[in-house]
Structure formats: structure tokens, C-alpha cells
PDB file of N, CA and C in Angstrom:
ATOM      1  N   MET A   1       2.024  15.755   9.569  1.00  0.00           N
ATOM      2  CA  MET A   1       2.364  15.194   8.267  1.00  0.00           C
ATOM      3  C   MET A   1       3.319  14.040   8.492  1.00  0.00           C
ATOM      4  N   SER A   2       3.063  12.928   7.832  1.00  0.00           N
ATOM      5  CA  SER A   2       3.976  11.788   7.944  1.00  0.00           C
ATOM      6  C   SER A   2       4.511  11.434   6.566  1.00  0.00           C
ATOM      7  N   PHE A   3       5.690  10.813   6.578  1.00  0.00           N
ATOM      8  CA  PHE A   3       6.358  10.442   5.341  1.00  0.00           C
ATOM      9  C   PHE A   3       6.669   8.963   5.345  1.00  0.00           C
ATOM     10  N   GLU A   4       6.546   8.362   4.201  1.00  0.00           N
ATOM     11  CA  GLU A   4       6.978   6.983   3.983  1.00  0.00           C
ATOM     12  C   GLU A   4       8.431   7.046   3.492  1.00  0.00           C
ATOM     13  N   VAL A   5       9.302   6.269   4.114  1.00  0.00           N
ATOM     14  CA  VAL A   5      10.689   6.160   3.685  1.00  0.00           C
ATOM     15  C   VAL A   5      10.919   4.691   3.404  1.00  0.00           C
ATOM     16  N   GLU A   6      11.317   4.391   2.163  1.00  0.00           N
ATOM     17  CA  GLU A   6      11.387   2.993   1.748  1.00  0.00           C
ATOM     18  C   GLU A   6      12.699   2.732   1.025  1.00  0.00           C
ATOM     19  N   LEU A   7      13.363   1.667   1.450  1.00  0.00           N
ATOM     20  CA  LEU A   7      14.557   1.170   0.768  1.00  0.00           C
ATOM     21  C   LEU A   7      14.315  -0.286   0.417  1.00  0.00           C
ATOM     22  N   LYS A   8      14.655  -0.650  -0.812  1.00  0.00           N
ATOM     23  CA  LYS A   8      14.509  -2.037  -1.246  1.00  0.00           C
ATOM     24  C   LYS A   8      15.849  -2.529  -1.739  1.00  0.00           C
ATOM     25  N   PHE A   9      16.129  -3.794  -1.460  1.00  0.00           N
ATOM     26  CA  PHE A   9      17.391  -4.383  -1.858  1.00  0.00           C
ATOM     27  C   PHE A   9      17.147  -5.715  -2.546  1.00  0.00           C
ATOM     28  N   LYS A  10      17.906  -5.971  -3.576  1.00  0.00           N
ATOM     29  CA  LYS A  10      17.827  -7.254  -4.255  1.00  0.00           C
ATOM     30  C   LYS A  10      18.537  -8.298  -3.395  1.00  0.00           C
ATOM     31  N   VAL A  11      17.886  -9.437  -3.207  1.00  0.00           N
ATOM     32  CA  VAL A  11      18.468 -10.525  -2.421  1.00  0.00           C
ATOM     33  C   VAL A  11      18.740 -11.687  -3.392  1.00  0.00           C
ATOM     34  N   ASP A  12      20.015 -12.075  -3.471  1.00  0.00           N
ATOM     35  CA  ASP A  12      20.379 -13.177  -4.382  1.00  0.00           C
ATOM     36  C   ASP A  12      20.108 -14.537  -3.754  1.00  0.00           C
ATOM     37  N   ASN A  13      20.211 -14.625  -2.420  1.00  0.00           N
ATOM     38  CA  ASN A  13      20.029 -15.918  -1.761  1.00  0.00           C
ATOM     39  C   ASN A  13      19.186 -15.725  -0.501  1.00  0.00           C
ATOM     40  N   ARG A  14      17.930 -16.078  -0.586  1.00  0.00           N
ATOM     41  CA  ARG A  14      17.021 -15.902   0.551  1.00  0.00           C
ATOM     42  C   ARG A  14      17.445 -16.727   1.760  1.00  0.00           C
ATOM     43  N   GLU A  15      18.007 -17.894   1.535  1.00  0.00           N
ATOM     44  CA  GLU A  15      18.402 -18.759   2.640  1.00  0.00           C
ATOM     45  C   GLU A  15      19.509 -18.123   3.478  1.00  0.00           C
ATOM     46  N   THR A  16      20.422 -17.407   2.836  1.00  0.00           N
ATOM     47  CA  THR A  16      21.487 -16.707   3.563  1.00  0.00           C
ATOM     48  C   THR A  16      20.882 -15.628   4.469  1.00  0.00           C
ATOM     49  N   VAL A  17      19.918 -14.906   3.944  1.00  0.00           N
ATOM     50  CA  VAL A  17      19.251 -13.859   4.743  1.00  0.00           C
ATOM     51  C   VAL A  17      18.516 -14.503   5.908  1.00  0.00           C
ATOM     52  N   LYS A  18      17.797 -15.590   5.663  1.00  0.00           N
ATOM     53  CA  LYS A  18      17.087 -16.282   6.732  1.00  0.00           C
ATOM     54  C   LYS A  18      18.047 -16.773   7.819  1.00  0.00           C
ATOM     55  N   ALA A  19      19.208 -17.265   7.412  1.00  0.00           N
ATOM     56  CA  ALA A  19      20.211 -17.733   8.380  1.00  0.00           C
ATOM     57  C   ALA A  19      20.713 -16.579   9.243  1.00  0.00           C
ATOM     58  N   HIS A  20      20.978 -15.434   8.623  1.00  0.00           N
ATOM     59  CA  HIS A  20      21.412 -14.259   9.390  1.00  0.00           C
ATOM     60  C   HIS A  20      20.332 -13.804  10.364  1.00  0.00           C
ATOM     61  N   LEU A  21      19.091 -13.810   9.930  1.00  0.00           N
ATOM     62  CA  LEU A  21      17.987 -13.420  10.817  1.00  0.00           C
ATOM     63  C   LEU A  21      17.856 -14.399  11.979  1.00  0.00           C
ATOM     64  N   ALA A  22      18.055 -15.674  11.713  1.00  0.00           N
ATOM     65  CA  ALA A  22      17.985 -16.675  12.790  1.00  0.00           C
ATOM     66  C   ALA A  22      19.079 -16.429  13.816  1.00  0.00           C
ATOM     67  N   LYS A  23      20.280 -16.055  13.376  1.00  0.00           N
ATOM     68  CA  LYS A  23      21.377 -15.741  14.295  1.00  0.00           C
ATOM     69  C   LYS A  23      21.032 -14.555  15.189  1.00  0.00           C
ATOM     70  N   LEU A  24      20.242 -13.655  14.664  1.00  0.00           N
ATOM     71  CA  LEU A  24      19.826 -12.491  15.428  1.00  0.00           C
ATOM     72  C   LEU A  24      18.609 -12.764  16.327  1.00  0.00           C
ATOM     73  N   ALA A  25      18.160 -14.022  16.326  1.00  0.00           N
ATOM     74  CA  ALA A  25      17.001 -14.467  17.111  1.00  0.00           C
ATOM     75  C   ALA A  25      15.731 -13.719  16.721  1.00  0.00           C
ATOM     76  N   SER A  26      15.608 -13.411  15.425  1.00  0.00           N
ATOM     77  CA  SER A  26      14.397 -12.729  14.976  1.00  0.00           C
ATOM     78  C   SER A  26      13.218 -13.720  14.944  1.00  0.00           C
ATOM     79  N   THR A  27      12.036 -13.173  15.032  1.00  0.00           N
ATOM     80  CA  THR A  27      10.832 -14.011  14.972  1.00  0.00           C
ATOM     81  C   THR A  27       9.855 -13.395  13.982  1.00  0.00           C
ATOM     82  N   SER A  28       9.017 -14.222  13.429  1.00  0.00           N
ATOM     83  CA  SER A  28       7.993 -13.743  12.513  1.00  0.00           C
ATOM     84  C   SER A  28       6.828 -13.197  13.296  1.00  0.00           C
ATOM     85  N   GLY A  29       6.197 -12.205  12.743  1.00  0.00           N
ATOM     86  CA  GLY A  29       4.969 -11.697  13.335  1.00  0.00           C
ATOM     87  C   GLY A  29       3.791 -12.519  12.839  1.00  0.00           C
ATOM     88  N   GLU A  30       2.599 -12.029  13.112  1.00  0.00           N
ATOM     89  CA  GLU A  30       1.414 -12.719  12.644  1.00  0.00           C
ATOM     90  C   GLU A  30       1.287 -12.554  11.128  1.00  0.00           C
ATOM     91  N   VAL A  31       0.706 -13.544  10.480  1.00  0.00           N
ATOM     92  CA  VAL A  31       0.488 -13.487   9.051  1.00  0.00           C
ATOM     93  C   VAL A  31      -0.580 -12.446   8.759  1.00  0.00           C
ATOM     94  N   GLU A  32      -0.329 -11.590   7.771  1.00  0.00           N
ATOM     95  CA  GLU A  32      -1.287 -10.598   7.347  1.00  0.00           C
ATOM     96  C   GLU A  32      -1.638 -10.813   5.877  1.00  0.00           C
ATOM     97  N   HIS A  33      -2.907 -10.733   5.577  1.00  0.00           N
ATOM     98  CA  HIS A  33      -3.382 -10.823   4.196  1.00  0.00           C
ATOM     99  C   HIS A  33      -3.804  -9.425   3.753  1.00  0.00           C
ATOM    100  N   HIS A  34      -3.112  -8.900   2.761  1.00  0.00           N
ATOM    101  CA  HIS A  34      -3.383  -7.549   2.272  1.00  0.00           C
ATOM    102  C   HIS A  34      -4.125  -7.623   0.942  1.00  0.00           C
ATOM    103  N   CYS A  35      -5.073  -6.740   0.773  1.00  0.00           N
ATOM    104  CA  CYS A  35      -5.733  -6.537  -0.512  1.00  0.00           C
ATOM    105  C   CYS A  35      -5.749  -5.038  -0.760  1.00  0.00           C
ATOM    106  N   ASP A  36      -5.009  -4.592  -1.776  1.00  0.00           N
ATOM    107  CA  ASP A  36      -4.904  -3.176  -2.108  1.00  0.00           C
ATOM    108  C   ASP A  36      -5.594  -2.911  -3.445  1.00  0.00           C
ATOM    109  N   THR A  37      -6.575  -2.030  -3.438  1.00  0.00           N
ATOM    110  CA  THR A  37      -7.241  -1.600  -4.674  1.00  0.00           C
ATOM    111  C   THR A  37      -6.774  -0.180  -4.964  1.00  0.00           C
ATOM    112  N   TYR A  38      -6.071  -0.013  -6.089  1.00  0.00           N
ATOM    113  CA  TYR A  38      -5.539   1.285  -6.496  1.00  0.00           C
ATOM    114  C   TYR A  38      -6.508   1.960  -7.463  1.00  0.00           C
ATOM    115  N   TYR A  39      -6.550   3.298  -7.405  1.00  0.00           N
ATOM    116  CA  TYR A  39      -7.513   4.065  -8.200  1.00  0.00           C
ATOM    117  C   TYR A  39      -6.823   5.097  -9.081  1.00  0.00           C
ATOM    118  N   ARG A  40      -7.459   5.339 -10.234  1.00  0.00           N
ATOM    119  CA  ARG A  40      -7.069   6.440 -11.131  1.00  0.00           C
ATOM    120  C   ARG A  40      -7.818   7.694 -10.692  1.00  0.00           C
ATOM    121  N   HIS A  41      -7.174   8.828 -10.848  1.00  0.00           N
ATOM    122  CA  HIS A  41      -7.811  10.115 -10.541  1.00  0.00           C
ATOM    123  C   HIS A  41      -8.858  10.408 -11.627  1.00  0.00           C
ATOM    124  N   PRO A  42      -9.984  11.022 -11.237  1.00  0.00           N
ATOM    125  CA  PRO A  42     -11.024  11.303 -12.247  1.00  0.00           C
ATOM    126  C   PRO A  42     -10.612  12.339 -13.301  1.00  0.00           C
ATOM    127  N   ASP A  43      -9.646  13.185 -12.989  1.00  0.00           N
ATOM    128  CA  ASP A  43      -9.187  14.185 -13.947  1.00  0.00           C
ATOM    129  C   ASP A  43      -8.145  13.531 -14.868  1.00  0.00           C
ATOM    130  N   PRO A  44      -8.434  13.408 -16.159  1.00  0.00           N
ATOM    131  CA  PRO A  44      -7.478  12.737 -17.059  1.00  0.00           C
ATOM    132  C   PRO A  44      -6.134  13.454 -17.145  1.00  0.00           C
ATOM    133  N   ASN A  45      -6.066  14.716 -16.710  1.00  0.00           N
ATOM    134  CA  ASN A  45      -4.800  15.453 -16.713  1.00  0.00           C
ATOM    135  C   ASN A  45      -3.945  15.154 -15.492  1.00  0.00           C
ATOM    136  N   ARG A  46      -4.490  14.348 -14.584  1.00  0.00           N
ATOM    137  CA  ARG A  46      -3.717  13.988 -13.379  1.00  0.00           C
ATOM    138  C   ARG A  46      -3.551  12.470 -13.362  1.00  0.00           C
ATOM    139  N   ASP A  47      -2.435  12.020 -13.884  1.00  0.00           N
ATOM    140  CA  ASP A  47      -2.145  10.590 -13.979  1.00  0.00           C
ATOM    141  C   ASP A  47      -1.202  10.201 -12.852  1.00  0.00           C
ATOM    142  N   PHE A  48      -1.719   9.471 -11.880  1.00  0.00           N
ATOM    143  CA  PHE A  48      -0.911   9.080 -10.722  1.00  0.00           C
ATOM    144  C   PHE A  48       0.343   8.296 -11.135  1.00  0.00           C
ATOM    145  N   ALA A  49       0.235   7.524 -12.197  1.00  0.00           N
ATOM    146  CA  ALA A  49       1.406   6.752 -12.642  1.00  0.00           C
ATOM    147  C   ALA A  49       2.525   7.690 -13.091  1.00  0.00           C
ATOM    148  N   LEU A  50       2.174   8.786 -13.735  1.00  0.00           N
ATOM    149  CA  LEU A  50       3.195   9.748 -14.189  1.00  0.00           C
ATOM    150  C   LEU A  50       3.748  10.597 -13.063  1.00  0.00           C
ATOM    151  N   THR A  51       2.904  10.886 -12.061  1.00  0.00           N
ATOM    152  CA  THR A  51       3.332  11.747 -10.951  1.00  0.00           C
ATOM    153  C   THR A  51       3.887  10.927  -9.775  1.00  0.00           C
ATOM    154  N   HIS A  52       3.884   9.612  -9.897  1.00  0.00           N
ATOM    155  CA  HIS A  52       4.352   8.700  -8.849  1.00  0.00           C
ATOM    156  C   HIS A  52       3.537   8.839  -7.569  1.00  0.00           C
ATOM    157  N   GLU A  53       2.246   9.123  -7.711  1.00  0.00           N
ATOM    158  CA  GLU A  53       1.343   9.163  -6.573  1.00  0.00           C
ATOM    159  C   GLU A  53       0.572   7.843  -6.529  1.00  0.00           C
ATOM    160  N   ALA A  54      -0.072   7.594  -5.400  1.00  0.00           N
ATOM    161  CA  ALA A  54      -0.917   6.400  -5.293  1.00  0.00           C
ATOM    162  C   ALA A  54      -2.093   6.723  -4.382  1.00  0.00           C
ATOM    163  N   PHE A  55      -3.239   6.155  -4.735  1.00  0.00           N
ATOM    164  CA  PHE A  55      -4.452   6.311  -3.941  1.00  0.00           C
ATOM    165  C   PHE A  55      -5.121   4.942  -3.909  1.00  0.00           C
ATOM    166  N   ARG A  56      -5.376   4.441  -2.694  1.00  0.00           N
ATOM    167  CA  ARG A  56      -5.856   3.074  -2.600  1.00  0.00           C
ATOM    168  C   ARG A  56      -6.738   2.856  -1.372  1.00  0.00           C
ATOM    169  N   ILE A  57      -7.493   1.770  -1.446  1.00  0.00           N
ATOM    170  CA  ILE A  57      -8.127   1.173  -0.270  1.00  0.00           C
ATOM    171  C   ILE A  57      -7.273  -0.029   0.058  1.00  0.00           C
ATOM    172  N   ARG A  58      -6.833  -0.123   1.309  1.00  0.00           N
ATOM    173  CA  ARG A  58      -6.085  -1.307   1.750  1.00  0.00           C
ATOM    174  C   ARG A  58      -6.909  -2.016   2.819  1.00  0.00           C
ATOM    175  N   THR A  59      -7.052  -3.331   2.630  1.00  0.00           N
ATOM    176  CA  THR A  59      -7.665  -4.175   3.638  1.00  0.00           C
ATOM    177  C   THR A  59      -6.596  -5.135   4.129  1.00  0.00           C
ATOM    178  N   VAL A  60      -6.344  -5.118   5.444  1.00  0.00           N
ATOM    179  CA  VAL A  60      -5.400  -6.035   6.072  1.00  0.00           C
ATOM    180  C   VAL A  60      -6.214  -6.908   7.000  1.00  0.00           C
ATOM    181  N   ASN A  61      -6.272  -8.209   6.643  1.00  0.00           N
ATOM    182  CA  ASN A  61      -7.162  -9.148   7.316  1.00  0.00           C
ATOM    183  C   ASN A  61      -8.586  -8.593   7.196  1.00  0.00           C
ATOM    184  N   ASP A  62      -9.118  -7.938   8.207  1.00  0.00           N
ATOM    185  CA  ASP A  62     -10.479  -7.390   8.110  1.00  0.00           C
ATOM    186  C   ASP A  62     -10.508  -5.877   8.343  1.00  0.00           C
ATOM    187  N   GLU A  63      -9.326  -5.281   8.541  1.00  0.00           N
ATOM    188  CA  GLU A  63      -9.230  -3.838   8.836  1.00  0.00           C
ATOM    189  C   GLU A  63      -9.017  -3.062   7.537  1.00  0.00           C
ATOM    190  N   ASN A  64      -9.671  -1.898   7.433  1.00  0.00           N
ATOM    191  CA  ASN A  64      -9.613  -1.083   6.208  1.00  0.00           C
ATOM    192  C   ASN A  64      -8.975   0.269   6.457  1.00  0.00           C
ATOM    193  N   CYS A  65      -8.299   0.778   5.437  1.00  0.00           N
ATOM    194  CA  CYS A  65      -7.823   2.155   5.480  1.00  0.00           C
ATOM    195  C   CYS A  65      -7.760   2.702   4.059  1.00  0.00           C
ATOM    196  N   LEU A  66      -7.845   4.021   3.989  1.00  0.00           N
ATOM    197  CA  LEU A  66      -7.719   4.743   2.731  1.00  0.00           C
ATOM    198  C   LEU A  66      -6.359   5.413   2.776  1.00  0.00           C
ATOM    199  N   THR A  67      -5.570   5.265   1.720  1.00  0.00           N
ATOM    200  CA  THR A  67      -4.204   5.789   1.713  1.00  0.00           C
ATOM    201  C   THR A  67      -3.946   6.617   0.471  1.00  0.00           C
ATOM    202  N   TYR A  68      -3.333   7.765   0.677  1.00  0.00           N
ATOM    203  CA  TYR A  68      -2.805   8.585  -0.409  1.00  0.00           C
ATOM    204  C   TYR A  68      -1.299   8.687  -0.220  1.00  0.00           C
ATOM    205  N   LYS A  69      -0.546   8.409  -1.269  1.00  0.00           N
ATOM    206  CA  LYS A  69       0.913   8.566  -1.248  1.00  0.00           C
ATOM    207  C   LYS A  69       1.253   9.635  -2.266  1.00  0.00           C
ATOM    208  N   GLY A  70       1.907  10.680  -1.782  1.00  0.00           N
ATOM    209  CA  GLY A  70       2.262  11.807  -2.632  1.00  0.00           C
ATOM    210  C   GLY A  70       3.398  11.480  -3.576  1.00  0.00           C
ATOM    211  N   PRO A  71       3.753  12.453  -4.410  1.00  0.00           N
ATOM    212  CA  PRO A  71       4.877  12.236  -5.334  1.00  0.00           C
ATOM    213  C   PRO A  71       6.163  11.913  -4.585  1.00  0.00           C
ATOM    214  N   ILE A  72       7.014  11.126  -5.200  1.00  0.00           N
ATOM    215  CA  ILE A  72       8.277  10.747  -4.594  1.00  0.00           C
ATOM    216  C   ILE A  72       9.181  11.963  -4.552  1.00  0.00           C
ATOM    217  N   VAL A  73       9.710  12.248  -3.359  1.00  0.00           N
ATOM    218  CA  VAL A  73      10.565  13.409  -3.142  1.00  0.00           C
ATOM    219  C   VAL A  73      12.027  13.061  -3.416  1.00  0.00           C
ATOM    220  N   ASP A  74      12.440  11.844  -3.052  1.00  0.00           N
ATOM    221  CA  ASP A  74      13.813  11.387  -3.226  1.00  0.00           C
ATOM    222  C   ASP A  74      13.765  10.003  -3.844  1.00  0.00           C
ATOM    223  N   LEU A  75      14.189   9.868  -5.099  1.00  0.00           N
ATOM    224  CA  LEU A  75      14.107   8.580  -5.796  1.00  0.00           C
ATOM    225  C   LEU A  75      15.079   7.532  -5.251  1.00  0.00           C
ATOM    226  N   GLN A  76      16.222   7.958  -4.752  1.00  0.00           N
ATOM    227  CA  GLN A  76      17.221   7.010  -4.283  1.00  0.00           C
ATOM    228  C   GLN A  76      16.750   6.289  -3.026  1.00  0.00           C
ATOM    229  N   VAL A  77      16.105   7.018  -2.115  1.00  0.00           N
ATOM    230  CA  VAL A  77      15.631   6.439  -0.869  1.00  0.00           C
ATOM    231  C   VAL A  77      14.114   6.199  -0.919  1.00  0.00           C
ATOM    232  N   LYS A  78      13.408   6.772  -1.865  1.00  0.00           N
ATOM    233  CA  LYS A  78      11.958   6.712  -2.019  1.00  0.00           C
ATOM    234  C   LYS A  78      11.253   7.273  -0.789  1.00  0.00           C
ATOM    235  N   VAL A  79      11.255   8.590  -0.717  1.00  0.00           N
ATOM    236  CA  VAL A  79      10.605   9.319   0.363  1.00  0.00           C
ATOM    237  C   VAL A  79       9.406  10.049  -0.212  1.00  0.00           C
ATOM    238  N   ARG A  80       8.270   9.932   0.455  1.00  0.00           N
ATOM    239  CA  ARG A  80       7.091  10.668   0.032  1.00  0.00           C
ATOM    240  C   ARG A  80       6.087  10.800   1.160  1.00  0.00           C
ATOM    241  N   GLU A  81       5.254  11.824   1.041  1.00  0.00           N
ATOM    242  CA  GLU A  81       4.211  12.029   2.047  1.00  0.00           C
ATOM    243  C   GLU A  81       3.203  10.874   1.951  1.00  0.00           C
ATOM    244  N   GLU A  82       2.722  10.452   3.115  1.00  0.00           N
ATOM    245  CA  GLU A  82       1.714   9.411   3.167  1.00  0.00           C
ATOM    246  C   GLU A  82       0.609   9.822   4.135  1.00  0.00           C
ATOM    247  N   ILE A  83      -0.618   9.781   3.649  1.00  0.00           N
ATOM    248  CA  ILE A  83      -1.788  10.078   4.478  1.00  0.00           C
ATOM    249  C   ILE A  83      -2.613   8.795   4.526  1.00  0.00           C
ATOM    250  N   GLU A  84      -2.818   8.299   5.730  1.00  0.00           N
ATOM    251  CA  GLU A  84      -3.557   7.054   5.891  1.00  0.00           C
ATOM    252  C   GLU A  84      -4.684   7.272   6.889  1.00  0.00           C
ATOM    253  N   ILE A  85      -5.895   6.911   6.492  1.00  0.00           N
ATOM    254  CA  ILE A  85      -7.069   7.115   7.330  1.00  0.00           C
ATOM    255  C   ILE A  85      -7.780   5.788   7.479  1.00  0.00           C
ATOM    256  N   ASP A  86      -7.870   5.307   8.721  1.00  0.00           N
ATOM    257  CA  ASP A  86      -8.607   4.076   8.986  1.00  0.00           C
ATOM    258  C   ASP A  86     -10.098   4.329   8.874  1.00  0.00           C
ATOM    259  N   PHE A  87     -10.832   3.307   8.409  1.00  0.00           N
ATOM    260  CA  PHE A  87     -12.284   3.384   8.456  1.00  0.00           C
ATOM    261  C   PHE A  87     -12.802   2.036   8.910  1.00  0.00           C
ATOM    262  N   ALA A  88     -14.098   1.918   9.101  1.00  0.00           N
ATOM    263  CA  ALA A  88     -14.695   0.737   9.732  1.00  0.00           C
ATOM    264  C   ALA A  88     -14.238  -0.564   9.086  1.00  0.00           C
ATOM    265  N   SER A  89     -14.237  -1.627   9.880  1.00  0.00           N
ATOM    266  CA  SER A  89     -13.782  -2.944   9.441  1.00  0.00           C
ATOM    267  C   SER A  89     -14.825  -3.636   8.567  1.00  0.00           C
ATOM    268  N   GLY A  90     -14.346  -4.627   7.830  1.00  0.00           N
ATOM    269  CA  GLY A  90     -15.238  -5.518   7.119  1.00  0.00           C
ATOM    270  C   GLY A  90     -15.254  -5.310   5.606  1.00  0.00           C
ATOM    271  N   SER A  91     -15.501  -6.402   4.889  1.00  0.00           N
ATOM    272  CA  SER A  91     -15.511  -6.354   3.424  1.00  0.00           C
ATOM    273  C   SER A  91     -16.691  -5.550   2.894  1.00  0.00           C
ATOM    274  N   ASP A  92     -17.833  -5.578   3.585  1.00  0.00           N
ATOM    275  CA  ASP A  92     -18.983  -4.789   3.136  1.00  0.00           C
ATOM    276  C   ASP A  92     -18.667  -3.287   3.174  1.00  0.00           C
ATOM    277  N   VAL A  93     -17.991  -2.866   4.230  1.00  0.00           N
ATOM    278  CA  VAL A  93     -17.620  -1.439   4.346  1.00  0.00           C
ATOM    279  C   VAL A  93     -16.605  -1.068   3.263  1.00  0.00           C
ATOM    280  N   ALA A  94     -15.652  -1.951   2.971  1.00  0.00           N
ATOM    281  CA  ALA A  94     -14.675  -1.701   1.908  1.00  0.00           C
ATOM    282  C   ALA A  94     -15.379  -1.557   0.565  1.00  0.00           C
ATOM    283  N   ARG A  95     -16.380  -2.386   0.311  1.00  0.00           N
ATOM    284  CA  ARG A  95     -17.157  -2.270  -0.924  1.00  0.00           C
ATOM    285  C   ARG A  95     -17.920  -0.951  -0.973  1.00  0.00           C
ATOM    286  N   GLN A  96     -18.432  -0.507   0.161  1.00  0.00           N
ATOM    287  CA  GLN A  96     -19.142   0.781   0.208  1.00  0.00           C
ATOM    288  C   GLN A  96     -18.180   1.932  -0.101  1.00  0.00           C
ATOM    289  N   MET A  97     -16.959   1.863   0.442  1.00  0.00           N
ATOM    290  CA  MET A  97     -15.962   2.902   0.155  1.00  0.00           C
ATOM    291  C   MET A  97     -15.595   2.872  -1.330  1.00  0.00           C
ATOM    292  N   ASP A  98     -15.446   1.697  -1.902  1.00  0.00           N
ATOM    293  CA  ASP A  98     -15.175   1.573  -3.328  1.00  0.00           C
ATOM    294  C   ASP A  98     -16.304   2.225  -4.135  1.00  0.00           C
ATOM    295  N   HIS A  99     -17.539   1.973  -3.735  1.00  0.00           N
ATOM    296  CA  HIS A  99     -18.684   2.559  -4.424  1.00  0.00           C
ATOM    297  C   HIS A  99     -18.676   4.080  -4.320  1.00  0.00           C
ATOM    298  N   LEU A 100     -18.338   4.611  -3.137  1.00  0.00           N
ATOM    299  CA  LEU A 100     -18.229   6.047  -2.947  1.00  0.00           C
ATOM    300  C   LEU A 100     -17.193   6.633  -3.885  1.00  0.00           C
ATOM    301  N   LEU A 101     -16.009   6.020  -3.933  1.00  0.00           N
ATOM    302  CA  LEU A 101     -14.927   6.541  -4.771  1.00  0.00           C
ATOM    303  C   LEU A 101     -15.281   6.491  -6.247  1.00  0.00           C
ATOM    304  N   THR A 102     -15.887   5.395  -6.692  1.00  0.00           N
ATOM    305  CA  THR A 102     -16.264   5.301  -8.115  1.00  0.00           C
ATOM    306  C   THR A 102     -17.387   6.285  -8.440  1.00  0.00           C
ATOM    307  N   THR A 103     -18.283   6.532  -7.484  1.00  0.00           N
ATOM    308  CA  THR A 103     -19.334   7.535  -7.699  1.00  0.00           C
ATOM    309  C   THR A 103     -18.728   8.925  -7.861  1.00  0.00           C
ATOM    310  N   LEU A 104     -17.612   9.170  -7.173  1.00  0.00           N
ATOM    311  CA  LEU A 104     -16.914  10.464  -7.284  1.00  0.00           C
ATOM    312  C   LEU A 104     -16.045  10.554  -8.532  1.00  0.00           C
ATOM    313  N   GLY A 105     -15.944   9.460  -9.276  1.00  0.00           N
ATOM    314  CA  GLY A 105     -15.195   9.486 -10.524  1.00  0.00           C
ATOM    315  C   GLY A 105     -13.869   8.748 -10.514  1.00  0.00           C
ATOM    316  N   PHE A 106     -13.415   8.284  -9.355  1.00  0.00           N
ATOM    317  CA  PHE A 106     -12.190   7.479  -9.300  1.00  0.00           C
ATOM    318  C   PHE A 106     -12.490   6.126  -9.908  1.00  0.00           C
ATOM    319  N   ARG A 107     -11.524   5.562 -10.610  1.00  0.00           N
ATOM    320  CA  ARG A 107     -11.718   4.262 -11.241  1.00  0.00           C
ATOM    321  C   ARG A 107     -10.624   3.306 -10.783  1.00  0.00           C
ATOM    322  N   PRO A 108     -11.021   2.073 -10.440  1.00  0.00           N
ATOM    323  CA  PRO A 108      -9.999   1.095 -10.041  1.00  0.00           C
ATOM    324  C   PRO A 108      -9.034   0.870 -11.213  1.00  0.00           C
ATOM    325  N   ARG A 109      -7.755   0.801 -10.900  1.00  0.00           N
ATOM    326  CA  ARG A 109      -6.769   0.518 -11.946  1.00  0.00           C
ATOM    327  C   ARG A 109      -6.042  -0.784 -11.698  1.00  0.00           C
ATOM    328  N   GLY A 110      -6.240  -1.361 -10.515  1.00  0.00           N
ATOM    329  CA  GLY A 110      -5.596  -2.644 -10.259  1.00  0.00           C
ATOM    330  C   GLY A 110      -5.751  -3.056  -8.810  1.00  0.00           C
ATOM    331  N   VAL A 111      -5.663  -4.363  -8.596  1.00  0.00           N
ATOM    332  CA  VAL A 111      -5.742  -4.921  -7.252  1.00  0.00           C
ATOM    333  C   VAL A 111      -4.468  -5.728  -7.011  1.00  0.00           C
ATOM    334  N   VAL A 112      -3.863  -5.523  -5.846  1.00  0.00           N
ATOM    335  CA  VAL A 112      -2.656  -6.262  -5.468  1.00  0.00           C
ATOM    336  C   VAL A 112      -2.991  -7.009  -4.187  1.00  0.00           C
ATOM    337  N   ARG A 113      -2.792  -8.326  -4.219  1.00  0.00           N
ATOM    338  CA  ARG A 113      -3.013  -9.160  -3.050  1.00  0.00           C
ATOM    339  C   ARG A 113      -1.658  -9.731  -2.615  1.00  0.00           C
ATOM    340  N   LYS A 114      -1.403  -9.671  -1.315  1.00  0.00           N
ATOM    341  CA  LYS A 114      -0.144 -10.224  -0.817  1.00  0.00           C
ATOM    342  C   LYS A 114      -0.327 -10.775   0.580  1.00  0.00           C
ATOM    343  N   THR A 115       0.529 -11.699   0.923  1.00  0.00           N
ATOM    344  CA  THR A 115       0.559 -12.267   2.271  1.00  0.00           C
ATOM    345  C   THR A 115       1.891 -11.886   2.879  1.00  0.00           C
ATOM    346  N   ARG A 116       1.842 -11.263   4.046  1.00  0.00           N
ATOM    347  CA  ARG A 116       3.064 -10.863   4.741  1.00  0.00           C
ATOM    348  C   ARG A 116       3.233 -11.697   5.995  1.00  0.00           C
ATOM    349  N   ILE A 117       4.430 -12.178   6.168  1.00  0.00           N
ATOM    350  CA  ILE A 117       4.734 -13.032   7.317  1.00  0.00           C
ATOM    351  C   ILE A 117       5.619 -12.284   8.286  1.00  0.00           C
TER     352      ILE A 117
END
């Protein structure tokens, strides 16, 4: 079993943070393009938004994975179980997985696209 532990902080001045990182000789990794499609549970009595769960297909560049994030255990630090399963690469395969999930009754509720540097 693995857990996601997440802390987020508000940054008032990005340039100050960049300067501190430069002093530490940090470097950027490769650019990643993420596309996350989130799904609603087919049972109307199970609302992931209310239970703070998430179920998605994530595509990073051309690699795909299916992810379930359980309810948040600790709100201050945002700790929750995370199950991530890789599946075959490519946009056609991601579309097939989407079709499988919608056939099972899951419905897309939103798509989030981001670029990570």
C-alpha cells in the first residue's frame, strides 16, 4: 500500500524562490505534459467530490496510468492512499481505457492539462 503525502504553500514572489533554488544549484528536469481525465463513480450515492477521492486516467507525454486516490486521512498534510497502475502507452490505448470505464458506468467529470518543468 502506498500513500500520497502532499504539502502546498502559497508563494508571494516566484522570483525569490527561483533565486533560492539557483543558490542551491538546482536544475530543471525534462518537461512533462500531463493530461488527467477525472471520472465520476457510477453509483450516484458515491460522490468522489464529497468523499475527497479521485479516479483518473493520467497521460504523461505518451505514458498512461490509471490512478485511484482514497479519502484524505489528514487534511493539514493531505495524506491519502494512492493506487497507480501503468498501462500501455499511446493516445489510442488511453481512449480505449476511457471507453472501458464509460462502458462500466464511470463518467468523465473534467480534464486537467498541465506542463511540468
